Amino acid sequence: MDNVNKILGKLYNTMGNDYLTKNFETGPFEFKVNFRKSEDDDLQDYIIEVYSIPDIPRRFTYKPSKKNDLDGIHISVLKHKFREYIKYVDPTFGEFRKTVGVKFMNVK
């Protein structure tokens, strides 16, 4: 699982930060990842624990744009976006019995 941690960390630090800084009023984050098999009481089979410096806000504000009338996104939307990156590691994740959840560990 160390290899998955390294790959996801690189993806989040490149693609994740690119997504965040291009679309929202935020600077880049430093992400560290712990990919683990979930406990029996979890809803997913695997959990991606994401640690960040600085802390992740609960809500992101979009950058000003003429075609964007929305205020921003909730952290749950970001969890969904970050969950998609697991497909770069293994395309079978997300299929039956390989469900993956994302948990931001330090949220302000």
PDB file of N, CA and C in Angstrom:
ATOM      1  N   MET A   1       0.812  -1.199   0.000  1.00  0.00           N
ATOM      2  CA  MET A   1       0.000   0.000   0.000  1.00  0.00           C
ATOM      3  C   MET A   1       0.855   1.262   0.000  1.00  0.00           C
ATOM      4  N   ASP A   2       2.139   1.131   0.329  1.00  0.00           N
ATOM      5  CA  ASP A   2       3.017   2.302   0.299  1.00  0.00           C
ATOM      6  C   ASP A   2       3.097   2.891  -1.103  1.00  0.00           C
ATOM      7  N   ASN A   3       3.093   2.019  -2.111  1.00  0.00           N
ATOM      8  CA  ASN A   3       3.154   2.494  -3.489  1.00  0.00           C
ATOM      9  C   ASN A   3       1.899   3.302  -3.845  1.00  0.00           C
ATOM     10  N   VAL A   4       0.742   2.841  -3.390  1.00  0.00           N
ATOM     11  CA  VAL A   4      -0.508   3.567  -3.627  1.00  0.00           C
ATOM     12  C   VAL A   4      -0.461   4.920  -2.928  1.00  0.00           C
ATOM     13  N   ASN A   5       0.061   4.965  -1.700  1.00  0.00           N
ATOM     14  CA  ASN A   5       0.201   6.233  -0.973  1.00  0.00           C
ATOM     15  C   ASN A   5       1.045   7.232  -1.757  1.00  0.00           C
ATOM     16  N   LYS A   6       2.160   6.777  -2.305  1.00  0.00           N
ATOM     17  CA  LYS A   6       3.059   7.658  -3.053  1.00  0.00           C
ATOM     18  C   LYS A   6       2.395   8.171  -4.321  1.00  0.00           C
ATOM     19  N   ILE A   7       1.747   7.271  -5.060  1.00  0.00           N
ATOM     20  CA  ILE A   7       1.108   7.673  -6.322  1.00  0.00           C
ATOM     21  C   ILE A   7      -0.030   8.648  -6.057  1.00  0.00           C
ATOM     22  N   LEU A   8      -0.893   8.328  -5.102  1.00  0.00           N
ATOM     23  CA  LEU A   8      -2.006   9.235  -4.789  1.00  0.00           C
ATOM     24  C   LEU A   8      -1.498  10.570  -4.266  1.00  0.00           C
ATOM     25  N   GLY A   9      -0.453  10.554  -3.444  1.00  0.00           N
ATOM     26  CA  GLY A   9       0.126  11.798  -2.956  1.00  0.00           C
ATOM     27  C   GLY A   9       0.600  12.674  -4.104  1.00  0.00           C
ATOM     28  N   LYS A  10       1.259  12.068  -5.080  1.00  0.00           N
ATOM     29  CA  LYS A  10       1.721  12.831  -6.252  1.00  0.00           C
ATOM     30  C   LYS A  10       0.542  13.349  -7.066  1.00  0.00           C
ATOM     31  N   LEU A  11      -0.481  12.522  -7.259  1.00  0.00           N
ATOM     32  CA  LEU A  11      -1.662  12.954  -8.008  1.00  0.00           C
ATOM     33  C   LEU A  11      -2.361  14.120  -7.319  1.00  0.00           C
ATOM     34  N   TYR A  12      -2.526  14.037  -6.017  1.00  0.00           N
ATOM     35  CA  TYR A  12      -3.198  15.109  -5.279  1.00  0.00           C
ATOM     36  C   TYR A  12      -2.365  16.390  -5.296  1.00  0.00           C
ATOM     37  N   ASN A  13      -1.046  16.240  -5.172  1.00  0.00           N
ATOM     38  CA  ASN A  13      -0.173  17.416  -5.156  1.00  0.00           C
ATOM     39  C   ASN A  13      -0.038  18.057  -6.532  1.00  0.00           C
ATOM     40  N   THR A  14      -0.282  17.328  -7.598  1.00  0.00           N
ATOM     41  CA  THR A  14      -0.220  17.909  -8.946  1.00  0.00           C
ATOM     42  C   THR A  14      -1.623  18.188  -9.470  1.00  0.00           C
ATOM     43  N   MET A  15      -2.363  17.160  -9.814  1.00  0.00           N
ATOM     44  CA  MET A  15      -3.685  17.328 -10.412  1.00  0.00           C
ATOM     45  C   MET A  15      -4.681  17.950  -9.445  1.00  0.00           C
ATOM     46  N   GLY A  16      -4.650  17.522  -8.191  1.00  0.00           N
ATOM     47  CA  GLY A  16      -5.564  18.075  -7.192  1.00  0.00           C
ATOM     48  C   GLY A  16      -5.322  19.556  -6.969  1.00  0.00           C
ATOM     49  N   ASN A  17      -4.064  19.926  -6.799  1.00  0.00           N
ATOM     50  CA  ASN A  17      -3.729  21.345  -6.616  1.00  0.00           C
ATOM     51  C   ASN A  17      -4.022  22.145  -7.867  1.00  0.00           C
ATOM     52  N   ASP A  18      -3.794  21.565  -9.037  1.00  0.00           N
ATOM     53  CA  ASP A  18      -4.107  22.254 -10.289  1.00  0.00           C
ATOM     54  C   ASP A  18      -5.602  22.557 -10.367  1.00  0.00           C
ATOM     55  N   TYR A  19      -6.428  21.574 -10.045  1.00  0.00           N
ATOM     56  CA  TYR A  19      -7.885  21.763 -10.030  1.00  0.00           C
ATOM     57  C   TYR A  19      -8.280  22.863  -9.039  1.00  0.00           C
ATOM     58  N   LEU A  20      -7.723  22.806  -7.845  1.00  0.00           N
ATOM     59  CA  LEU A  20      -8.086  23.774  -6.807  1.00  0.00           C
ATOM     60  C   LEU A  20      -7.642  25.195  -7.149  1.00  0.00           C
ATOM     61  N   THR A  21      -6.399  25.362  -7.561  1.00  0.00           N
ATOM     62  CA  THR A  21      -5.886  26.709  -7.794  1.00  0.00           C
ATOM     63  C   THR A  21      -6.442  27.351  -9.065  1.00  0.00           C
ATOM     64  N   LYS A  22      -6.823  26.546 -10.048  1.00  0.00           N
ATOM     65  CA  LYS A  22      -7.411  27.103 -11.272  1.00  0.00           C
ATOM     66  C   LYS A  22      -8.859  27.538 -11.078  1.00  0.00           C
ATOM     67  N   ASN A  23      -9.583  26.852 -10.212  1.00  0.00           N
ATOM     68  CA  ASN A  23     -11.013  27.090 -10.076  1.00  0.00           C
ATOM     69  C   ASN A  23     -11.430  27.870  -8.839  1.00  0.00           C
ATOM     70  N   PHE A  24     -10.607  27.891  -7.815  1.00  0.00           N
ATOM     71  CA  PHE A  24     -11.027  28.454  -6.538  1.00  0.00           C
ATOM     72  C   PHE A  24     -10.021  29.457  -6.007  1.00  0.00           C
ATOM     73  N   GLU A  25     -10.493  30.296  -5.115  1.00  0.00           N
ATOM     74  CA  GLU A  25      -9.631  31.281  -4.469  1.00  0.00           C
ATOM     75  C   GLU A  25      -8.877  30.599  -3.337  1.00  0.00           C
ATOM     76  N   THR A  26      -7.804  29.932  -3.695  1.00  0.00           N
ATOM     77  CA  THR A  26      -6.987  29.218  -2.723  1.00  0.00           C
ATOM     78  C   THR A  26      -5.588  29.045  -3.282  1.00  0.00           C
ATOM     79  N   GLY A  27      -4.653  28.846  -2.388  1.00  0.00           N
ATOM     80  CA  GLY A  27      -3.297  28.516  -2.796  1.00  0.00           C
ATOM     81  C   GLY A  27      -3.132  27.012  -2.820  1.00  0.00           C
ATOM     82  N   PRO A  28      -1.981  26.531  -3.225  1.00  0.00           N
ATOM     83  CA  PRO A  28      -1.766  25.082  -3.251  1.00  0.00           C
ATOM     84  C   PRO A  28      -1.636  24.514  -1.836  1.00  0.00           C
ATOM     85  N   PHE A  29      -1.895  23.231  -1.750  1.00  0.00           N
ATOM     86  CA  PHE A  29      -1.786  22.491  -0.500  1.00  0.00           C
ATOM     87  C   PHE A  29      -0.655  21.482  -0.630  1.00  0.00           C
ATOM     88  N   GLU A  30      -0.123  21.062   0.499  1.00  0.00           N
ATOM     89  CA  GLU A  30       0.805  19.939   0.520  1.00  0.00           C
ATOM     90  C   GLU A  30       0.022  18.750   1.068  1.00  0.00           C
ATOM     91  N   PHE A  31      -0.179  17.733   0.221  1.00  0.00           N
ATOM     92  CA  PHE A  31      -0.982  16.582   0.601  1.00  0.00           C
ATOM     93  C   PHE A  31      -0.108  15.381   0.930  1.00  0.00           C
ATOM     94  N   LYS A  32      -0.485  14.684   1.982  1.00  0.00           N
ATOM     95  CA  LYS A  32       0.086  13.381   2.329  1.00  0.00           C
ATOM     96  C   LYS A  32      -1.096  12.431   2.438  1.00  0.00           C
ATOM     97  N   VAL A  33      -0.901  11.192   1.978  1.00  0.00           N
ATOM     98  CA  VAL A  33      -2.013  10.260   1.846  1.00  0.00           C
ATOM     99  C   VAL A  33      -1.720   8.972   2.597  1.00  0.00           C
ATOM    100  N   ASN A  34      -2.763   8.435   3.222  1.00  0.00           N
ATOM    101  CA  ASN A  34      -2.705   7.106   3.822  1.00  0.00           C
ATOM    102  C   ASN A  34      -3.871   6.300   3.255  1.00  0.00           C
ATOM    103  N   PHE A  35      -3.570   5.375   2.350  1.00  0.00           N
ATOM    104  CA  PHE A  35      -4.570   4.505   1.739  1.00  0.00           C
ATOM    105  C   PHE A  35      -4.609   3.222   2.565  1.00  0.00           C
ATOM    106  N   ARG A  36      -5.804   2.864   3.021  1.00  0.00           N
ATOM    107  CA  ARG A  36      -5.896   1.683   3.894  1.00  0.00           C
ATOM    108  C   ARG A  36      -7.178   0.913   3.633  1.00  0.00           C
ATOM    109  N   LYS A  37      -7.148  -0.347   4.000  1.00  0.00           N
ATOM    110  CA  LYS A  37      -8.358  -1.169   3.978  1.00  0.00           C
ATOM    111  C   LYS A  37      -9.228  -0.687   5.126  1.00  0.00           C
ATOM    112  N   SER A  38     -10.516  -0.572   4.870  1.00  0.00           N
ATOM    113  CA  SER A  38     -11.397  -0.014   5.898  1.00  0.00           C
ATOM    114  C   SER A  38     -11.737  -1.044   6.965  1.00  0.00           C
ATOM    115  N   GLU A  39     -12.264  -0.541   8.052  1.00  0.00           N
ATOM    116  CA  GLU A  39     -12.724  -1.393   9.150  1.00  0.00           C
ATOM    117  C   GLU A  39     -14.070  -2.010   8.763  1.00  0.00           C
ATOM    118  N   ASP A  40     -14.508  -2.979   9.501  1.00  0.00           N
ATOM    119  CA  ASP A  40     -15.774  -3.664   9.198  1.00  0.00           C
ATOM    120  C   ASP A  40     -16.978  -2.738   9.246  1.00  0.00           C
ATOM    121  N   ASP A  41     -16.948  -1.699  10.070  1.00  0.00           N
ATOM    122  CA  ASP A  41     -18.106  -0.821  10.208  1.00  0.00           C
ATOM    123  C   ASP A  41     -18.111   0.348   9.220  1.00  0.00           C
ATOM    124  N   ASP A  42     -17.087   0.462   8.365  1.00  0.00           N
ATOM    125  CA  ASP A  42     -17.053   1.513   7.352  1.00  0.00           C
ATOM    126  C   ASP A  42     -17.952   1.145   6.184  1.00  0.00           C
ATOM    127  N   LEU A  43     -18.447   2.146   5.479  1.00  0.00           N
ATOM    128  CA  LEU A  43     -19.308   1.917   4.323  1.00  0.00           C
ATOM    129  C   LEU A  43     -18.511   1.555   3.074  1.00  0.00           C
ATOM    130  N   GLN A  44     -17.243   1.905   3.023  1.00  0.00           N
ATOM    131  CA  GLN A  44     -16.407   1.624   1.878  1.00  0.00           C
ATOM    132  C   GLN A  44     -15.440   0.485   2.192  1.00  0.00           C
ATOM    133  N   ASP A  45     -14.886  -0.105   1.132  1.00  0.00           N
ATOM    134  CA  ASP A  45     -13.900  -1.167   1.306  1.00  0.00           C
ATOM    135  C   ASP A  45     -12.512  -0.610   1.600  1.00  0.00           C
ATOM    136  N   TYR A  46     -12.224   0.579   1.049  1.00  0.00           N
ATOM    137  CA  TYR A  46     -10.938   1.237   1.245  1.00  0.00           C
ATOM    138  C   TYR A  46     -11.177   2.698   1.597  1.00  0.00           C
ATOM    139  N   ILE A  47     -10.265   3.257   2.363  1.00  0.00           N
ATOM    140  CA  ILE A  47     -10.348   4.662   2.767  1.00  0.00           C
ATOM    141  C   ILE A  47      -9.050   5.357   2.360  1.00  0.00           C
ATOM    142  N   ILE A  48      -9.186   6.539   1.774  1.00  0.00           N
ATOM    143  CA  ILE A  48      -8.039   7.390   1.484  1.00  0.00           C
ATOM    144  C   ILE A  48      -8.075   8.512   2.513  1.00  0.00           C
ATOM    145  N   GLU A  49      -7.146   8.465   3.457  1.00  0.00           N
ATOM    146  CA  GLU A  49      -7.033   9.526   4.456  1.00  0.00           C
ATOM    147  C   GLU A  49      -6.093  10.583   3.896  1.00  0.00           C
ATOM    148  N   VAL A  50      -6.579  11.815   3.794  1.00  0.00           N
ATOM    149  CA  VAL A  50      -5.809  12.900   3.187  1.00  0.00           C
ATOM    150  C   VAL A  50      -5.449  13.921   4.261  1.00  0.00           C
ATOM    151  N   TYR A  51      -4.165  14.098   4.472  1.00  0.00           N
ATOM    152  CA  TYR A  51      -3.644  15.105   5.388  1.00  0.00           C
ATOM    153  C   TYR A  51      -3.141  16.270   4.540  1.00  0.00           C
ATOM    154  N   SER A  52      -3.365  17.493   4.990  1.00  0.00           N
ATOM    155  CA  SER A  52      -2.959  18.635   4.183  1.00  0.00           C
ATOM    156  C   SER A  52      -2.368  19.751   5.031  1.00  0.00           C
ATOM    157  N   ILE A  53      -1.475  20.484   4.402  1.00  0.00           N
ATOM    158  CA  ILE A  53      -0.935  21.725   4.963  1.00  0.00           C
ATOM    159  C   ILE A  53      -1.163  22.778   3.899  1.00  0.00           C
ATOM    160  N   PRO A  54      -1.909  23.811   4.175  1.00  0.00           N
ATOM    161  CA  PRO A  54      -2.700  24.101   5.374  1.00  0.00           C
ATOM    162  C   PRO A  54      -3.936  23.197   5.449  1.00  0.00           C
ATOM    163  N   ASP A  55      -4.728  23.383   6.508  1.00  0.00           N
ATOM    164  CA  ASP A  55      -5.964  22.623   6.663  1.00  0.00           C
ATOM    165  C   ASP A  55      -6.910  22.904   5.502  1.00  0.00           C
ATOM    166  N   ILE A  56      -7.702  21.918   5.148  1.00  0.00           N
ATOM    167  CA  ILE A  56      -8.699  22.053   4.083  1.00  0.00           C
ATOM    168  C   ILE A  56      -9.912  22.810   4.641  1.00  0.00           C
ATOM    169  N   PRO A  57     -10.376  23.841   3.946  1.00  0.00           N
ATOM    170  CA  PRO A  57     -11.606  24.517   4.408  1.00  0.00           C
ATOM    171  C   PRO A  57     -12.841  23.679   4.085  1.00  0.00           C
ATOM    172  N   ARG A  58     -13.902  23.889   4.807  1.00  0.00           N
ATOM    173  CA  ARG A  58     -15.150  23.157   4.548  1.00  0.00           C
ATOM    174  C   ARG A  58     -15.809  23.601   3.251  1.00  0.00           C
ATOM    175  N   ARG A  59     -15.444  24.778   2.795  1.00  0.00           N
ATOM    176  CA  ARG A  59     -16.064  25.340   1.586  1.00  0.00           C
ATOM    177  C   ARG A  59     -15.012  26.112   0.803  1.00  0.00           C
ATOM    178  N   PHE A  60     -15.040  25.961  -0.510  1.00  0.00           N
ATOM    179  CA  PHE A  60     -14.153  26.691  -1.407  1.00  0.00           C
ATOM    180  C   PHE A  60     -14.968  27.702  -2.190  1.00  0.00           C
ATOM    181  N   THR A  61     -14.405  28.887  -2.395  1.00  0.00           N
ATOM    182  CA  THR A  61     -15.060  29.949  -3.158  1.00  0.00           C
ATOM    183  C   THR A  61     -14.477  29.966  -4.566  1.00  0.00           C
ATOM    184  N   TYR A  62     -15.376  29.966  -5.578  1.00  0.00           N
ATOM    185  CA  TYR A  62     -14.921  30.027  -6.959  1.00  0.00           C
ATOM    186  C   TYR A  62     -14.177  31.324  -7.227  1.00  0.00           C
ATOM    187  N   LYS A  63     -13.235  31.274  -8.161  1.00  0.00           N
ATOM    188  CA  LYS A  63     -12.600  32.497  -8.647  1.00  0.00           C
ATOM    189  C   LYS A  63     -13.641  33.288  -9.428  1.00  0.00           C
ATOM    190  N   PRO A  64     -13.538  34.601  -9.422  1.00  0.00           N
ATOM    191  CA  PRO A  64     -14.504  35.409 -10.174  1.00  0.00           C
ATOM    192  C   PRO A  64     -14.488  35.049 -11.662  1.00  0.00           C
ATOM    193  N   SER A  65     -15.685  34.917 -12.222  1.00  0.00           N
ATOM    194  CA  SER A  65     -15.828  34.574 -13.629  1.00  0.00           C
ATOM    195  C   SER A  65     -17.163  35.081 -14.128  1.00  0.00           C
ATOM    196  N   LYS A  66     -17.211  35.552 -15.354  1.00  0.00           N
ATOM    197  CA  LYS A  66     -18.465  36.053 -15.912  1.00  0.00           C
ATOM    198  C   LYS A  66     -19.480  34.934 -16.128  1.00  0.00           C
ATOM    199  N   LYS A  67     -19.009  33.734 -16.417  1.00  0.00           N
ATOM    200  CA  LYS A  67     -19.940  32.639 -16.690  1.00  0.00           C
ATOM    201  C   LYS A  67     -20.234  31.787 -15.460  1.00  0.00           C
ATOM    202  N   ASN A  68     -19.687  32.139 -14.322  1.00  0.00           N
ATOM    203  CA  ASN A  68     -19.869  31.350 -13.110  1.00  0.00           C
ATOM    204  C   ASN A  68     -20.669  32.154 -12.083  1.00  0.00           C
ATOM    205  N   ASP A  69     -21.917  31.782 -11.891  1.00  0.00           N
ATOM    206  CA  ASP A  69     -22.772  32.474 -10.924  1.00  0.00           C
ATOM    207  C   ASP A  69     -22.822  31.772  -9.568  1.00  0.00           C
ATOM    208  N   LEU A  70     -22.122  30.664  -9.424  1.00  0.00           N
ATOM    209  CA  LEU A  70     -22.139  29.916  -8.176  1.00  0.00           C
ATOM    210  C   LEU A  70     -21.138  30.485  -7.185  1.00  0.00           C
ATOM    211  N   ASP A  71     -21.432  30.324  -5.906  1.00  0.00           N
ATOM    212  CA  ASP A  71     -20.534  30.821  -4.861  1.00  0.00           C
ATOM    213  C   ASP A  71     -19.300  29.949  -4.695  1.00  0.00           C
ATOM    214  N   GLY A  72     -19.498  28.639  -4.647  1.00  0.00           N
ATOM    215  CA  GLY A  72     -18.380  27.739  -4.402  1.00  0.00           C
ATOM    216  C   GLY A  72     -18.853  26.314  -4.252  1.00  0.00           C
ATOM    217  N   ILE A  73     -17.984  25.477  -3.693  1.00  0.00           N
ATOM    218  CA  ILE A  73     -18.327  24.073  -3.475  1.00  0.00           C
ATOM    219  C   ILE A  73     -18.117  23.712  -2.015  1.00  0.00           C
ATOM    220  N   HIS A  74     -18.847  22.720  -1.590  1.00  0.00           N
ATOM    221  CA  HIS A  74     -18.703  22.147  -0.260  1.00  0.00           C
ATOM    222  C   HIS A  74     -17.603  21.093  -0.323  1.00  0.00           C
ATOM    223  N   ILE A  75     -17.019  20.768   0.787  1.00  0.00           N
ATOM    224  CA  ILE A  75     -15.933  19.790   0.848  1.00  0.00           C
ATOM    225  C   ILE A  75     -16.372  18.422   0.299  1.00  0.00           C
ATOM    226  N   SER A  76     -17.652  18.096   0.367  1.00  0.00           N
ATOM    227  CA  SER A  76     -18.124  16.803  -0.150  1.00  0.00           C
ATOM    228  C   SER A  76     -17.903  16.693  -1.659  1.00  0.00           C
ATOM    229  N   VAL A  77     -17.987  17.818  -2.378  1.00  0.00           N
ATOM    230  CA  VAL A  77     -17.719  17.822  -3.818  1.00  0.00           C
ATOM    231  C   VAL A  77     -16.237  17.550  -4.061  1.00  0.00           C
ATOM    232  N   LEU A  78     -15.384  18.124  -3.229  1.00  0.00           N
ATOM    233  CA  LEU A  78     -13.951  17.890  -3.353  1.00  0.00           C
ATOM    234  C   LEU A  78     -13.613  16.427  -3.049  1.00  0.00           C
ATOM    235  N   LYS A  79     -14.287  15.829  -2.083  1.00  0.00           N
ATOM    236  CA  LYS A  79     -14.076  14.408  -1.787  1.00  0.00           C
ATOM    237  C   LYS A  79     -14.384  13.557  -3.016  1.00  0.00           C
ATOM    238  N   HIS A  80     -15.470  13.870  -3.681  1.00  0.00           N
ATOM    239  CA  HIS A  80     -15.846  13.127  -4.889  1.00  0.00           C
ATOM    240  C   HIS A  80     -14.772  13.293  -5.973  1.00  0.00           C
ATOM    241  N   LYS A  81     -14.298  14.504  -6.169  1.00  0.00           N
ATOM    242  CA  LYS A  81     -13.263  14.779  -7.171  1.00  0.00           C
ATOM    243  C   LYS A  81     -11.985  14.015  -6.841  1.00  0.00           C
ATOM    244  N   PHE A  82     -11.563  14.037  -5.598  1.00  0.00           N
ATOM    245  CA  PHE A  82     -10.335  13.350  -5.207  1.00  0.00           C
ATOM    246  C   PHE A  82     -10.497  11.830  -5.274  1.00  0.00           C
ATOM    247  N   ARG A  83     -11.694  11.331  -5.049  1.00  0.00           N
ATOM    248  CA  ARG A  83     -11.937   9.887  -5.153  1.00  0.00           C
ATOM    249  C   ARG A  83     -11.712   9.407  -6.595  1.00  0.00           C
ATOM    250  N   GLU A  84     -11.989  10.257  -7.577  1.00  0.00           N
ATOM    251  CA  GLU A  84     -11.808   9.888  -8.982  1.00  0.00           C
ATOM    252  C   GLU A  84     -10.350   9.571  -9.314  1.00  0.00           C
ATOM    253  N   TYR A  85      -9.395  10.141  -8.597  1.00  0.00           N
ATOM    254  CA  TYR A  85      -7.983   9.942  -8.902  1.00  0.00           C
ATOM    255  C   TYR A  85      -7.511   8.509  -8.647  1.00  0.00           C
ATOM    256  N   ILE A  86      -8.250   7.737  -7.866  1.00  0.00           N
ATOM    257  CA  ILE A  86      -7.853   6.348  -7.613  1.00  0.00           C
ATOM    258  C   ILE A  86      -7.863   5.533  -8.911  1.00  0.00           C
ATOM    259  N   LYS A  87      -8.648   5.960  -9.884  1.00  0.00           N
ATOM    260  CA  LYS A  87      -8.709   5.258 -11.180  1.00  0.00           C
ATOM    261  C   LYS A  87      -7.363   5.305 -11.900  1.00  0.00           C
ATOM    262  N   TYR A  88      -6.528   6.297 -11.609  1.00  0.00           N
ATOM    263  CA  TYR A  88      -5.198   6.354 -12.203  1.00  0.00           C
ATOM    264  C   TYR A  88      -4.272   5.296 -11.603  1.00  0.00           C
ATOM    265  N   VAL A  89      -4.574   4.874 -10.395  1.00  0.00           N
ATOM    266  CA  VAL A  89      -3.768   3.864  -9.716  1.00  0.00           C
ATOM    267  C   VAL A  89      -4.224   2.473 -10.146  1.00  0.00           C
ATOM    268  N   ASP A  90      -5.529   2.250 -10.133  1.00  0.00           N
ATOM    269  CA  ASP A  90      -6.099   0.953 -10.503  1.00  0.00           C
ATOM    270  C   ASP A  90      -7.514   1.193 -11.019  1.00  0.00           C
ATOM    271  N   PRO A  91      -7.756   0.950 -12.307  1.00  0.00           N
ATOM    272  CA  PRO A  91      -9.072   1.225 -12.895  1.00  0.00           C
ATOM    273  C   PRO A  91     -10.215   0.401 -12.301  1.00  0.00           C
ATOM    274  N   THR A  92      -9.901  -0.678 -11.585  1.00  0.00           N
ATOM    275  CA  THR A  92     -10.971  -1.506 -11.028  1.00  0.00           C
ATOM    276  C   THR A  92     -11.530  -0.948  -9.724  1.00  0.00           C
ATOM    277  N   PHE A  93     -10.842   0.019  -9.124  1.00  0.00           N
ATOM    278  CA  PHE A  93     -11.391   0.616  -7.905  1.00  0.00           C
ATOM    279  C   PHE A  93     -12.674   1.350  -8.249  1.00  0.00           C
ATOM    280  N   GLY A  94     -13.652   1.232  -7.396  1.00  0.00           N
ATOM    281  CA  GLY A  94     -14.958   1.822  -7.640  1.00  0.00           C
ATOM    282  C   GLY A  94     -15.958   0.793  -8.140  1.00  0.00           C
ATOM    283  N   GLU A  95     -15.463  -0.380  -8.529  1.00  0.00           N
ATOM    284  CA  GLU A  95     -16.360  -1.456  -8.936  1.00  0.00           C
ATOM    285  C   GLU A  95     -16.849  -2.181  -7.688  1.00  0.00           C
ATOM    286  N   PHE A  96     -17.724  -3.146  -7.901  1.00  0.00           N
ATOM    287  CA  PHE A  96     -18.296  -3.921  -6.794  1.00  0.00           C
ATOM    288  C   PHE A  96     -17.194  -4.472  -5.897  1.00  0.00           C
ATOM    289  N   ARG A  97     -17.324  -4.276  -4.620  1.00  0.00           N
ATOM    290  CA  ARG A  97     -16.408  -4.713  -3.567  1.00  0.00           C
ATOM    291  C   ARG A  97     -15.042  -4.059  -3.632  1.00  0.00           C
ATOM    292  N   LYS A  98     -14.945  -2.960  -4.325  1.00  0.00           N
ATOM    293  CA  LYS A  98     -13.720  -2.163  -4.302  1.00  0.00           C
ATOM    294  C   LYS A  98     -14.108  -0.697  -4.179  1.00  0.00           C
ATOM    295  N   THR A  99     -15.046  -0.418  -3.293  1.00  0.00           N
ATOM    296  CA  THR A  99     -15.480   0.964  -3.113  1.00  0.00           C
ATOM    297  C   THR A  99     -14.445   1.723  -2.287  1.00  0.00           C
ATOM    298  N   VAL A 100     -14.327   3.013  -2.583  1.00  0.00           N
ATOM    299  CA  VAL A 100     -13.289   3.833  -1.959  1.00  0.00           C
ATOM    300  C   VAL A 100     -13.934   5.102  -1.414  1.00  0.00           C
ATOM    301  N   GLY A 101     -13.555   5.477  -0.214  1.00  0.00           N
ATOM    302  CA  GLY A 101     -13.994   6.731   0.383  1.00  0.00           C
ATOM    303  C   GLY A 101     -12.796   7.641   0.630  1.00  0.00           C
ATOM    304  N   VAL A 102     -13.043   8.931   0.629  1.00  0.00           N
ATOM    305  CA  VAL A 102     -12.002   9.925   0.919  1.00  0.00           C
ATOM    306  C   VAL A 102     -12.360  10.622   2.217  1.00  0.00           C
ATOM    307  N   LYS A 103     -11.379  10.743   3.080  1.00  0.00           N
ATOM    308  CA  LYS A 103     -11.596  11.412   4.368  1.00  0.00           C
ATOM    309  C   LYS A 103     -10.485  12.441   4.557  1.00  0.00           C
ATOM    310  N   PHE A 104     -10.855  13.728   4.580  1.00  0.00           N
ATOM    311  CA  PHE A 104      -9.891  14.775   4.871  1.00  0.00           C
ATOM    312  C   PHE A 104      -9.697  14.810   6.379  1.00  0.00           C
ATOM    313  N   MET A 105      -8.463  14.643   6.801  1.00  0.00           N
ATOM    314  CA  MET A 105      -8.169  14.444   8.215  1.00  0.00           C
ATOM    315  C   MET A 105      -8.039  15.752   9.000  1.00  0.00           C
ATOM    316  N   ASN A 106      -7.684  16.840   8.344  1.00  0.00           N
ATOM    317  CA  ASN A 106      -7.581  18.113   9.067  1.00  0.00           C
ATOM    318  C   ASN A 106      -8.365  19.173   8.287  1.00  0.00           C
ATOM    319  N   VAL A 107      -9.575  19.388   8.766  1.00  0.00           N
ATOM    320  CA  VAL A 107     -10.502  20.330   8.144  1.00  0.00           C
ATOM    321  C   VAL A 107     -10.733  21.480   9.116  1.00  0.00           C
ATOM    322  N   LYS A 108     -10.693  22.705   8.581  1.00  0.00           N
ATOM    323  CA  LYS A 108     -10.945  23.844   9.473  1.00  0.00           C
ATOM    324  C   LYS A 108     -12.334  24.394   9.235  1.00  0.00           C
TER     325      LYS A 108
END
